[in-house]
Amino acid sequence: MSEMDMDDDDQADDDDQGVDTGFGDVVAELVAQIRRVVELEAEAIRLRVALGRLRAVAATAVREWSRRGDERVSASTLVALQRALSASGEEEQ
């Protein structure tokens, strides 16, 4: 075996015995990013649920105001609310 081959073997041994390649740091960062994505997805679900509840309350109010002909709410306001409700429902689909 030549001296050059022996040097290559020594380098390979060094690589296998704890020389930090940074791979662990990359994996740790990847795991942290995945956890953050999972947290954001959970928050998005909570916000969609809250939006759905808000939309249901607003739709009920619009129907009730329309049915009673409530003088406190103008026809233009009811139309604007109905349009907003329709638009917000289309965005989720």
C-alpha atoms as a PDB file:
ATOM      1  CA  MET A   1       0.000   0.000   0.000  1.00  0.00           C
ATOM      2  CA  SER A   2       1.465   3.363  -0.961  1.00  0.00           C
ATOM      3  CA  GLU A   3       1.833   6.325   1.380  1.00  0.00           C
ATOM      4  CA  MET A   4      -0.906   8.186  -0.506  1.00  0.00           C
ATOM      5  CA  ASP A   5      -3.367   5.306   0.011  1.00  0.00           C
ATOM      6  CA  MET A   6      -2.551   5.323   3.728  1.00  0.00           C
ATOM      7  CA  ASP A   7      -3.250   9.075   3.941  1.00  0.00           C
ATOM      8  CA  ASP A   8      -6.638   8.532   2.269  1.00  0.00           C
ATOM      9  CA  ASP A   9      -7.431   5.790   4.787  1.00  0.00           C
ATOM     10  CA  ASP A  10      -6.471   8.096   7.678  1.00  0.00           C
ATOM     11  CA  GLN A  11      -8.788  10.815   6.298  1.00  0.00           C
ATOM     12  CA  ALA A  12     -11.651   8.327   5.978  1.00  0.00           C
ATOM     13  CA  ASP A  13     -11.094   7.236   9.588  1.00  0.00           C
ATOM     14  CA  ASP A  14     -11.197  10.890  10.731  1.00  0.00           C
ATOM     15  CA  ASP A  15     -14.485  11.446   8.901  1.00  0.00           C
ATOM     16  CA  ASP A  16     -16.029   8.430  10.602  1.00  0.00           C
ATOM     17  CA  GLN A  17     -14.867   9.393  14.082  1.00  0.00           C
ATOM     18  CA  GLY A  18     -16.746  12.512  15.063  1.00  0.00           C
ATOM     19  CA  VAL A  19     -15.738  15.157  12.573  1.00  0.00           C
ATOM     20  CA  ASP A  20     -18.838  17.365  12.565  1.00  0.00           C
ATOM     21  CA  THR A  21     -20.290  17.780   9.115  1.00  0.00           C
ATOM     22  CA  GLY A  22     -23.149  20.043  10.287  1.00  0.00           C
ATOM     23  CA  PHE A  23     -25.726  17.429   9.336  1.00  0.00           C
ATOM     24  CA  GLY A  24     -27.102  17.316  12.883  1.00  0.00           C
ATOM     25  CA  ASP A  25     -27.671  21.062  12.812  1.00  0.00           C
ATOM     26  CA  VAL A  26     -29.471  20.795   9.500  1.00  0.00           C
ATOM     27  CA  VAL A  27     -31.713  18.037  10.822  1.00  0.00           C
ATOM     28  CA  ALA A  28     -32.459  20.006  14.008  1.00  0.00           C
ATOM     29  CA  GLU A  29     -33.415  23.070  11.945  1.00  0.00           C
ATOM     30  CA  LEU A  30     -35.594  20.945   9.679  1.00  0.00           C
ATOM     31  CA  VAL A  31     -37.393  19.455  12.688  1.00  0.00           C
ATOM     32  CA  ALA A  32     -37.932  22.951  14.127  1.00  0.00           C
ATOM     33  CA  GLN A  33     -39.346  24.173  10.820  1.00  0.00           C
ATOM     34  CA  ILE A  34     -41.696  21.178  10.572  1.00  0.00           C
ATOM     35  CA  ARG A  35     -42.947  21.845  14.096  1.00  0.00           C
ATOM     36  CA  ARG A  36     -43.570  25.497  13.185  1.00  0.00           C
ATOM     37  CA  VAL A  37     -45.542  24.461  10.094  1.00  0.00           C
ATOM     38  CA  VAL A  38     -47.668  22.103  12.204  1.00  0.00           C
ATOM     39  CA  GLU A  39     -48.333  24.939  14.687  1.00  0.00           C
ATOM     40  CA  LEU A  40     -49.316  27.284  11.852  1.00  0.00           C
ATOM     41  CA  GLU A  41     -51.626  24.682  10.331  1.00  0.00           C
ATOM     42  CA  ALA A  42     -53.327  24.203  13.708  1.00  0.00           C
ATOM     43  CA  GLU A  43     -53.761  27.979  14.043  1.00  0.00           C
ATOM     44  CA  ALA A  44     -55.208  28.149  10.521  1.00  0.00           C
ATOM     45  CA  ILE A  45     -57.774  25.502  11.474  1.00  0.00           C
ATOM     46  CA  ARG A  46     -58.730  27.431  14.615  1.00  0.00           C
ATOM     47  CA  LEU A  47     -59.129  30.612  12.558  1.00  0.00           C
ATOM     48  CA  ARG A  48     -61.286  28.828   9.959  1.00  0.00           C
ATOM     49  CA  VAL A  49     -63.542  27.529  12.731  1.00  0.00           C
ATOM     50  CA  ALA A  50     -63.807  31.011  14.268  1.00  0.00           C
ATOM     51  CA  LEU A  51     -64.565  32.511  10.846  1.00  0.00           C
ATOM     52  CA  GLY A  52     -67.266  29.923  10.286  1.00  0.00           C
ATOM     53  CA  ARG A  53     -68.867  30.774  13.613  1.00  0.00           C
ATOM     54  CA  LEU A  54     -68.666  34.488  12.886  1.00  0.00           C
ATOM     55  CA  ARG A  55     -70.171  33.964   9.446  1.00  0.00           C
ATOM     56  CA  ALA A  56     -73.035  31.944  10.952  1.00  0.00           C
ATOM     57  CA  VAL A  57     -73.782  34.651  13.523  1.00  0.00           C
ATOM     58  CA  ALA A  58     -73.682  37.364  10.859  1.00  0.00           C
ATOM     59  CA  ALA A  59     -75.923  35.369   8.513  1.00  0.00           C
ATOM     60  CA  THR A  60     -78.419  34.817  11.309  1.00  0.00           C
ATOM     61  CA  ALA A  61     -78.395  38.539  12.129  1.00  0.00           C
ATOM     62  CA  VAL A  62     -78.920  39.486   8.482  1.00  0.00           C
ATOM     63  CA  ARG A  63     -81.847  37.051   8.169  1.00  0.00           C
ATOM     64  CA  GLU A  64     -83.385  38.301  11.405  1.00  0.00           C
ATOM     65  CA  TRP A  65     -82.960  41.974  10.493  1.00  0.00           C
ATOM     66  CA  SER A  66     -84.399  41.308   7.035  1.00  0.00           C
ATOM     67  CA  ARG A  67     -87.360  39.388   8.454  1.00  0.00           C
ATOM     68  CA  ARG A  68     -88.207  42.031  11.050  1.00  0.00           C
ATOM     69  CA  GLY A  69     -87.531  44.987   8.791  1.00  0.00           C
ATOM     70  CA  ASP A  70     -85.423  46.494  11.578  1.00  0.00           C
ATOM     71  CA  GLU A  71     -85.277  50.277  11.094  1.00  0.00           C
ATOM     72  CA  ARG A  72     -81.838  50.436  12.733  1.00  0.00           C
ATOM     73  CA  VAL A  73     -80.335  48.585   9.770  1.00  0.00           C
ATOM     74  CA  SER A  74     -80.624  50.160   6.334  1.00  0.00           C
ATOM     75  CA  ALA A  75     -81.299  48.104   3.224  1.00  0.00           C
ATOM     76  CA  SER A  76     -77.906  49.070   1.806  1.00  0.00           C
ATOM     77  CA  THR A  77     -76.211  47.774   4.965  1.00  0.00           C
ATOM     78  CA  LEU A  78     -78.066  44.464   4.673  1.00  0.00           C
ATOM     79  CA  VAL A  79     -77.045  44.131   1.025  1.00  0.00           C
ATOM     80  CA  ALA A  80     -73.425  44.900   1.902  1.00  0.00           C
ATOM     81  CA  LEU A  81     -73.471  42.308   4.701  1.00  0.00           C
ATOM     82  CA  GLN A  82     -75.018  39.697   2.410  1.00  0.00           C
ATOM     83  CA  ARG A  83     -72.391  40.361  -0.253  1.00  0.00           C
ATOM     84  CA  ALA A  84     -69.593  40.125   2.309  1.00  0.00           C
ATOM     85  CA  LEU A  85     -70.997  36.832   3.597  1.00  0.00           C
ATOM     86  CA  SER A  86     -71.238  35.462   0.072  1.00  0.00           C
ATOM     87  CA  ALA A  87     -67.701  36.567  -0.750  1.00  0.00           C
ATOM     88  CA  SER A  88     -66.238  35.082   2.433  1.00  0.00           C
ATOM     89  CA  GLY A  89     -67.946  31.769   1.714  1.00  0.00           C
ATOM     90  CA  GLU A  90     -66.512  31.664  -1.804  1.00  0.00           C
ATOM     91  CA  GLU A  91     -62.954  32.329  -0.568  1.00  0.00           C
ATOM     92  CA  GLU A  92     -62.856  29.143   1.504  1.00  0.00           C
ATOM     93  CA  GLN A  93     -63.998  26.922  -1.332  1.00  0.00           C
END
